Amino acid sequence: MIINMKTVAEGIQKASKKDKLKKEKILSKEYRPAHHLRAINWKAFIQSAIKTGLESPTPYKVIPYKNGIGIKKIELL
């Protein structure tokens, strides 16, 4: 069995480029998930809080600040 080293090297380079692009996409602000201890992406954090509130056994409504950074109030429904 003869292996073409050039083809193998090209395959490795393509794979590393795909991995690099995937990491960049994950680290971009639009795709960064909300973290429960420190919210960097407030939009995602507030959306997850609203979803959790509506799905909980005791439903509640999350009201964010107008500037979109932080939670102003939580109201029980």
PDB file of N, CA and C in Angstrom:
ATOM      1  N   MET A   1       0.849  -1.183   0.000  1.00  0.00           N
ATOM      2  CA  MET A   1       0.000   0.000   0.000  1.00  0.00           C
ATOM      3  C   MET A   1       0.887   1.236   0.000  1.00  0.00           C
ATOM      4  N   ILE A   2       0.672   2.101  -0.959  1.00  0.00           N
ATOM      5  CA  ILE A   2       1.471   3.322  -1.089  1.00  0.00           C
ATOM      6  C   ILE A   2       0.619   4.498  -0.630  1.00  0.00           C
ATOM      7  N   ILE A   3       1.180   5.306   0.266  1.00  0.00           N
ATOM      8  CA  ILE A   3       0.471   6.469   0.798  1.00  0.00           C
ATOM      9  C   ILE A   3       1.124   7.722   0.240  1.00  0.00           C
ATOM     10  N   ASN A   4       0.335   8.581  -0.332  1.00  0.00           N
ATOM     11  CA  ASN A   4       0.835   9.839  -0.866  1.00  0.00           C
ATOM     12  C   ASN A   4       0.907  10.839   0.291  1.00  0.00           C
ATOM     13  N   MET A   5       2.112  11.216   0.696  1.00  0.00           N
ATOM     14  CA  MET A   5       2.301  12.105   1.851  1.00  0.00           C
ATOM     15  C   MET A   5       1.739  13.499   1.585  1.00  0.00           C
ATOM     16  N   LYS A   6       1.759  13.928   0.338  1.00  0.00           N
ATOM     17  CA  LYS A   6       1.225  15.243   0.012  1.00  0.00           C
ATOM     18  C   LYS A   6      -0.284  15.278   0.266  1.00  0.00           C
ATOM     19  N   THR A   7      -0.971  14.225  -0.124  1.00  0.00           N
ATOM     20  CA  THR A   7      -2.415  14.153   0.089  1.00  0.00           C
ATOM     21  C   THR A   7      -2.748  14.115   1.573  1.00  0.00           C
ATOM     22  N   VAL A   8      -1.972  13.376   2.339  1.00  0.00           N
ATOM     23  CA  VAL A   8      -2.183  13.285   3.785  1.00  0.00           C
ATOM     24  C   VAL A   8      -1.969  14.651   4.429  1.00  0.00           C
ATOM     25  N   ALA A   9      -0.917  15.359   4.030  1.00  0.00           N
ATOM     26  CA  ALA A   9      -0.619  16.682   4.589  1.00  0.00           C
ATOM     27  C   ALA A   9      -1.728  17.681   4.250  1.00  0.00           C
ATOM     28  N   GLU A  10      -2.247  17.614   3.031  1.00  0.00           N
ATOM     29  CA  GLU A  10      -3.332  18.516   2.635  1.00  0.00           C
ATOM     30  C   GLU A  10      -4.594  18.231   3.454  1.00  0.00           C
ATOM     31  N   GLY A  11      -4.869  16.973   3.699  1.00  0.00           N
ATOM     32  CA  GLY A  11      -6.029  16.600   4.508  1.00  0.00           C
ATOM     33  C   GLY A  11      -5.919  17.123   5.927  1.00  0.00           C
ATOM     34  N   ILE A  12      -4.725  17.060   6.499  1.00  0.00           N
ATOM     35  CA  ILE A  12      -4.505  17.564   7.859  1.00  0.00           C
ATOM     36  C   ILE A  12      -4.666  19.074   7.896  1.00  0.00           C
ATOM     37  N   GLN A  13      -4.163  19.778   6.890  1.00  0.00           N
ATOM     38  CA  GLN A  13      -4.285  21.240   6.841  1.00  0.00           C
ATOM     39  C   GLN A  13      -5.740  21.660   6.715  1.00  0.00           C
ATOM     40  N   LYS A  14      -6.514  20.958   5.893  1.00  0.00           N
ATOM     41  CA  LYS A  14      -7.932  21.289   5.738  1.00  0.00           C
ATOM     42  C   LYS A  14      -8.679  21.078   7.047  1.00  0.00           C
ATOM     43  N   ALA A  15      -8.331  20.000   7.743  1.00  0.00           N
ATOM     44  CA  ALA A  15      -8.992  19.720   9.017  1.00  0.00           C
ATOM     45  C   ALA A  15      -8.655  20.789  10.048  1.00  0.00           C
ATOM     46  N   SER A  16      -7.395  21.226  10.093  1.00  0.00           N
ATOM     47  CA  SER A  16      -7.010  22.241  11.076  1.00  0.00           C
ATOM     48  C   SER A  16      -7.656  23.588  10.751  1.00  0.00           C
ATOM     49  N   LYS A  17      -7.820  23.914   9.471  1.00  0.00           N
ATOM     50  CA  LYS A  17      -8.498  25.157   9.100  1.00  0.00           C
ATOM     51  C   LYS A  17      -9.960  25.117   9.515  1.00  0.00           C
ATOM     52  N   LYS A  18     -10.619  23.944   9.323  1.00  0.00           N
ATOM     53  CA  LYS A  18     -12.012  23.814   9.735  1.00  0.00           C
ATOM     54  C   LYS A  18     -12.146  23.962  11.240  1.00  0.00           C
ATOM     55  N   ASP A  19     -11.220  23.363  12.004  1.00  0.00           N
ATOM     56  CA  ASP A  19     -11.261  23.473  13.460  1.00  0.00           C
ATOM     57  C   ASP A  19     -11.065  24.914  13.899  1.00  0.00           C
ATOM     58  N   LYS A  20     -10.161  25.621  13.236  1.00  0.00           N
ATOM     59  CA  LYS A  20      -9.893  27.017  13.582  1.00  0.00           C
ATOM     60  C   LYS A  20     -11.124  27.888  13.319  1.00  0.00           C
ATOM     61  N   LEU A  21     -11.772  27.678  12.166  1.00  0.00           N
ATOM     62  CA  LEU A  21     -12.977  28.451  11.854  1.00  0.00           C
ATOM     63  C   LEU A  21     -14.099  28.135  12.835  1.00  0.00           C
ATOM     64  N   LYS A  22     -14.210  26.868  13.236  1.00  0.00           N
ATOM     65  CA  LYS A  22     -15.239  26.473  14.191  1.00  0.00           C
ATOM     66  C   LYS A  22     -15.001  27.142  15.544  1.00  0.00           C
ATOM     67  N   LYS A  23     -13.740  27.194  16.001  1.00  0.00           N
ATOM     68  CA  LYS A  23     -13.417  27.853  17.271  1.00  0.00           C
ATOM     69  C   LYS A  23     -13.722  29.344  17.206  1.00  0.00           C
ATOM     70  N   GLU A  24     -13.374  29.987  16.082  1.00  0.00           N
ATOM     71  CA  GLU A  24     -13.643  31.416  15.935  1.00  0.00           C
ATOM     72  C   GLU A  24     -15.144  31.691  15.973  1.00  0.00           C
ATOM     73  N   LYS A  25     -15.941  30.817  15.366  1.00  0.00           N
ATOM     74  CA  LYS A  25     -17.391  30.993  15.354  1.00  0.00           C
ATOM     75  C   LYS A  25     -17.950  30.851  16.765  1.00  0.00           C
ATOM     76  N   ILE A  26     -17.441  29.886  17.520  1.00  0.00           N
ATOM     77  CA  ILE A  26     -17.913  29.671  18.886  1.00  0.00           C
ATOM     78  C   ILE A  26     -17.533  30.844  19.782  1.00  0.00           C
ATOM     79  N   LEU A  27     -16.346  31.403  19.599  1.00  0.00           N
ATOM     80  CA  LEU A  27     -15.880  32.488  20.450  1.00  0.00           C
ATOM     81  C   LEU A  27     -16.481  33.839  20.073  1.00  0.00           C
ATOM     82  N   SER A  28     -17.126  33.930  18.909  1.00  0.00           N
ATOM     83  CA  SER A  28     -17.728  35.207  18.539  1.00  0.00           C
ATOM     84  C   SER A  28     -18.911  35.496  19.460  1.00  0.00           C
ATOM     85  N   LYS A  29     -19.244  36.755  19.619  1.00  0.00           N
ATOM     86  CA  LYS A  29     -20.273  37.161  20.582  1.00  0.00           C
ATOM     87  C   LYS A  29     -21.645  36.574  20.275  1.00  0.00           C
ATOM     88  N   GLU A  30     -21.980  36.408  18.989  1.00  0.00           N
ATOM     89  CA  GLU A  30     -23.315  35.942  18.647  1.00  0.00           C
ATOM     90  C   GLU A  30     -23.547  34.500  19.081  1.00  0.00           C
ATOM     91  N   TYR A  31     -22.495  33.697  19.097  1.00  0.00           N
ATOM     92  CA  TYR A  31     -22.654  32.283  19.399  1.00  0.00           C
ATOM     93  C   TYR A  31     -22.223  31.927  20.811  1.00  0.00           C
ATOM     94  N   ARG A  32     -21.736  32.896  21.568  1.00  0.00           N
ATOM     95  CA  ARG A  32     -21.269  32.610  22.923  1.00  0.00           C
ATOM     96  C   ARG A  32     -22.464  32.388  23.839  1.00  0.00           C
ATOM     97  N   PRO A  33     -22.555  31.221  24.484  1.00  0.00           N
ATOM     98  CA  PRO A  33     -23.700  30.962  25.363  1.00  0.00           C
ATOM     99  C   PRO A  33     -23.625  31.764  26.648  1.00  0.00           C
ATOM    100  N   ALA A  34     -24.725  31.876  27.333  1.00  0.00           N
ATOM    101  CA  ALA A  34     -24.770  32.583  28.606  1.00  0.00           C
ATOM    102  C   ALA A  34     -24.126  31.731  29.686  1.00  0.00           C
ATOM    103  N   HIS A  35     -23.411  32.352  30.575  1.00  0.00           N
ATOM    104  CA  HIS A  35     -22.776  31.664  31.698  1.00  0.00           C
ATOM    105  C   HIS A  35     -23.551  32.021  32.948  1.00  0.00           C
ATOM    106  N   HIS A  36     -23.769  31.058  33.825  1.00  0.00           N
ATOM    107  CA  HIS A  36     -24.629  31.304  34.982  1.00  0.00           C
ATOM    108  C   HIS A  36     -23.970  32.146  36.068  1.00  0.00           C
ATOM    109  N   LEU A  37     -22.650  32.267  36.092  1.00  0.00           N
ATOM    110  CA  LEU A  37     -21.994  33.067  37.125  1.00  0.00           C
ATOM    111  C   LEU A  37     -21.582  34.449  36.632  1.00  0.00           C
ATOM    112  N   ARG A  38     -21.161  34.544  35.398  1.00  0.00           N
ATOM    113  CA  ARG A  38     -20.791  35.852  34.851  1.00  0.00           C
ATOM    114  C   ARG A  38     -21.367  35.958  33.442  1.00  0.00           C
ATOM    115  N   ALA A  39     -22.241  36.880  33.255  1.00  0.00           N
ATOM    116  CA  ALA A  39     -22.916  37.017  31.964  1.00  0.00           C
ATOM    117  C   ALA A  39     -22.127  37.966  31.080  1.00  0.00           C
ATOM    118  N   ILE A  40     -21.543  37.440  30.043  1.00  0.00           N
ATOM    119  CA  ILE A  40     -20.845  38.253  29.054  1.00  0.00           C
ATOM    120  C   ILE A  40     -21.812  38.588  27.933  1.00  0.00           C
ATOM    121  N   ASN A  41     -22.610  37.605  27.577  1.00  0.00           N
ATOM    122  CA  ASN A  41     -23.592  37.785  26.525  1.00  0.00           C
ATOM    123  C   ASN A  41     -24.965  37.944  27.189  1.00  0.00           C
ATOM    124  N   TRP A  42     -25.337  39.174  27.520  1.00  0.00           N
ATOM    125  CA  TRP A  42     -26.565  39.437  28.269  1.00  0.00           C
ATOM    126  C   TRP A  42     -27.803  39.028  27.496  1.00  0.00           C
ATOM    127  N   LYS A  43     -27.775  39.194  26.185  1.00  0.00           N
ATOM    128  CA  LYS A  43     -28.940  38.845  25.377  1.00  0.00           C
ATOM    129  C   LYS A  43     -29.269  37.357  25.536  1.00  0.00           C
ATOM    130  N   ALA A  44     -28.254  36.509  25.438  1.00  0.00           N
ATOM    131  CA  ALA A  44     -28.460  35.071  25.591  1.00  0.00           C
ATOM    132  C   ALA A  44     -28.863  34.732  27.024  1.00  0.00           C
ATOM    133  N   PHE A  45     -28.277  35.419  28.001  1.00  0.00           N
ATOM    134  CA  PHE A  45     -28.590  35.160  29.407  1.00  0.00           C
ATOM    135  C   PHE A  45     -30.054  35.488  29.700  1.00  0.00           C
ATOM    136  N   ILE A  46     -30.527  36.628  29.224  1.00  0.00           N
ATOM    137  CA  ILE A  46     -31.906  37.052  29.472  1.00  0.00           C
ATOM    138  C   ILE A  46     -32.883  36.120  28.750  1.00  0.00           C
ATOM    139  N   GLN A  47     -32.550  35.722  27.527  1.00  0.00           N
ATOM    140  CA  GLN A  47     -33.415  34.794  26.802  1.00  0.00           C
ATOM    141  C   GLN A  47     -33.524  33.467  27.535  1.00  0.00           C
ATOM    142  N   SER A  48     -32.407  32.964  28.063  1.00  0.00           N
ATOM    143  CA  SER A  48     -32.460  31.696  28.792  1.00  0.00           C
ATOM    144  C   SER A  48     -33.227  31.858  30.104  1.00  0.00           C
ATOM    145  N   ALA A  49     -33.123  33.033  30.762  1.00  0.00           N
ATOM    146  CA  ALA A  49     -33.862  33.277  32.004  1.00  0.00           C
ATOM    147  C   ALA A  49     -35.363  33.339  31.733  1.00  0.00           C
ATOM    148  N   ILE A  50     -35.764  33.960  30.647  1.00  0.00           N
ATOM    149  CA  ILE A  50     -37.191  34.032  30.282  1.00  0.00           C
ATOM    150  C   ILE A  50     -37.727  32.641  29.990  1.00  0.00           C
ATOM    151  N   LYS A  51     -36.956  31.862  29.235  1.00  0.00           N
ATOM    152  CA  LYS A  51     -37.381  30.504  28.902  1.00  0.00           C
ATOM    153  C   LYS A  51     -37.506  29.650  30.167  1.00  0.00           C
ATOM    154  N   THR A  52     -36.531  29.749  31.053  1.00  0.00           N
ATOM    155  CA  THR A  52     -36.566  28.986  32.305  1.00  0.00           C
ATOM    156  C   THR A  52     -37.750  29.399  33.154  1.00  0.00           C
ATOM    157  N   GLY A  53     -38.032  30.691  33.215  1.00  0.00           N
ATOM    158  CA  GLY A  53     -39.149  31.188  34.015  1.00  0.00           C
ATOM    159  C   GLY A  53     -40.488  30.702  33.538  1.00  0.00           C
ATOM    160  N   LEU A  54     -40.665  30.645  32.230  1.00  0.00           N
ATOM    161  CA  LEU A  54     -41.948  30.203  31.687  1.00  0.00           C
ATOM    162  C   LEU A  54     -42.133  28.695  31.790  1.00  0.00           C
ATOM    163  N   GLU A  55     -41.028  27.942  31.820  1.00  0.00           N
ATOM    164  CA  GLU A  55     -41.114  26.487  31.887  1.00  0.00           C
ATOM    165  C   GLU A  55     -41.076  25.941  33.314  1.00  0.00           C
ATOM    166  N   SER A  56     -40.847  26.783  34.301  1.00  0.00           N
ATOM    167  CA  SER A  56     -40.721  26.305  35.674  1.00  0.00           C
ATOM    168  C   SER A  56     -42.087  25.903  36.241  1.00  0.00           C
ATOM    169  N   PRO A  57     -42.100  25.072  37.303  1.00  0.00           N
ATOM    170  CA  PRO A  57     -43.372  24.674  37.918  1.00  0.00           C
ATOM    171  C   PRO A  57     -44.168  25.870  38.442  1.00  0.00           C
ATOM    172  N   THR A  58     -43.471  26.872  38.980  1.00  0.00           N
ATOM    173  CA  THR A  58     -44.101  28.128  39.380  1.00  0.00           C
ATOM    174  C   THR A  58     -43.652  29.176  38.361  1.00  0.00           C
ATOM    175  N   PRO A  59     -44.439  29.423  37.319  1.00  0.00           N
ATOM    176  CA  PRO A  59     -43.988  30.312  36.252  1.00  0.00           C
ATOM    177  C   PRO A  59     -43.784  31.752  36.730  1.00  0.00           C
ATOM    178  N   TYR A  60     -42.765  32.377  36.180  1.00  0.00           N
ATOM    179  CA  TYR A  60     -42.465  33.773  36.483  1.00  0.00           C
ATOM    180  C   TYR A  60     -42.013  34.486  35.225  1.00  0.00           C
ATOM    181  N   LYS A  61     -42.118  35.808  35.261  1.00  0.00           N
ATOM    182  CA  LYS A  61     -41.757  36.644  34.122  1.00  0.00           C
ATOM    183  C   LYS A  61     -40.497  37.430  34.471  1.00  0.00           C
ATOM    184  N   VAL A  62     -39.535  37.424  33.582  1.00  0.00           N
ATOM    185  CA  VAL A  62     -38.284  38.159  33.774  1.00  0.00           C
ATOM    186  C   VAL A  62     -38.374  39.470  33.006  1.00  0.00           C
ATOM    187  N   ILE A  63     -38.115  40.577  33.690  1.00  0.00           N
ATOM    188  CA  ILE A  63     -38.161  41.901  33.066  1.00  0.00           C
ATOM    189  C   ILE A  63     -36.738  42.467  33.062  1.00  0.00           C
ATOM    190  N   PRO A  64     -36.124  42.590  31.876  1.00  0.00           N
ATOM    191  CA  PRO A  64     -34.755  43.128  31.801  1.00  0.00           C
ATOM    192  C   PRO A  64     -34.759  44.661  31.832  1.00  0.00           C
ATOM    193  N   TYR A  65     -33.597  45.239  32.113  1.00  0.00           N
ATOM    194  CA  TYR A  65     -33.439  46.692  32.013  1.00  0.00           C
ATOM    195  C   TYR A  65     -33.584  47.114  30.555  1.00  0.00           C
ATOM    196  N   LYS A  66     -33.895  48.395  30.309  1.00  0.00           N
ATOM    197  CA  LYS A  66     -34.097  48.898  28.948  1.00  0.00           C
ATOM    198  C   LYS A  66     -32.833  48.789  28.104  1.00  0.00           C
ATOM    199  N   ASN A  67     -31.660  48.946  28.742  1.00  0.00           N
ATOM    200  CA  ASN A  67     -30.416  48.866  27.978  1.00  0.00           C
ATOM    201  C   ASN A  67     -30.008  47.424  27.684  1.00  0.00           C
ATOM    202  N   GLY A  68     -30.756  46.452  28.224  1.00  0.00           N
ATOM    203  CA  GLY A  68     -30.497  45.050  27.935  1.00  0.00           C
ATOM    204  C   GLY A  68     -29.405  44.418  28.754  1.00  0.00           C
ATOM    205  N   ILE A  69     -28.903  45.143  29.761  1.00  0.00           N
ATOM    206  CA  ILE A  69     -27.830  44.604  30.607  1.00  0.00           C
ATOM    207  C   ILE A  69     -28.378  44.414  32.007  1.00  0.00           C
ATOM    208  N   GLY A  70     -28.709  43.190  32.341  1.00  0.00           N
ATOM    209  CA  GLY A  70     -29.179  42.873  33.672  1.00  0.00           C
ATOM    210  C   GLY A  70     -30.684  42.641  33.740  1.00  0.00           C
ATOM    211  N   ILE A  71     -31.099  42.115  34.884  1.00  0.00           N
ATOM    212  CA  ILE A  71     -32.509  41.818  35.117  1.00  0.00           C
ATOM    213  C   ILE A  71     -33.054  42.823  36.107  1.00  0.00           C
ATOM    214  N   LYS A  72     -34.084  43.540  35.716  1.00  0.00           N
ATOM    215  CA  LYS A  72     -34.674  44.584  36.562  1.00  0.00           C
ATOM    216  C   LYS A  72     -35.584  43.992  37.620  1.00  0.00           C
ATOM    217  N   LYS A  73     -36.482  43.076  37.176  1.00  0.00           N
ATOM    218  CA  LYS A  73     -37.491  42.573  38.109  1.00  0.00           C
ATOM    219  C   LYS A  73     -37.935  41.182  37.658  1.00  0.00           C
ATOM    220  N   ILE A  74     -38.410  40.393  38.636  1.00  0.00           N
ATOM    221  CA  ILE A  74     -39.006  39.098  38.356  1.00  0.00           C
ATOM    222  C   ILE A  74     -40.404  39.102  38.959  1.00  0.00           C
ATOM    223  N   GLU A  75     -41.410  38.827  38.130  1.00  0.00           N
ATOM    224  CA  GLU A  75     -42.800  38.815  38.584  1.00  0.00           C
ATOM    225  C   GLU A  75     -43.364  37.402  38.487  1.00  0.00           C
ATOM    226  N   LEU A  76     -44.039  36.973  39.526  1.00  0.00           N
ATOM    227  CA  LEU A  76     -44.715  35.683  39.483  1.00  0.00           C
ATOM    228  C   LEU A  76     -46.006  35.820  38.676  1.00  0.00           C
ATOM    229  N   LEU A  77     -46.294  34.832  37.865  1.00  0.00           N
ATOM    230  CA  LEU A  77     -47.517  34.864  37.041  1.00  0.00           C
ATOM    231  C   LEU A  77     -48.666  34.182  37.745  1.00  0.00           C
TER     232      LEU A  77
END
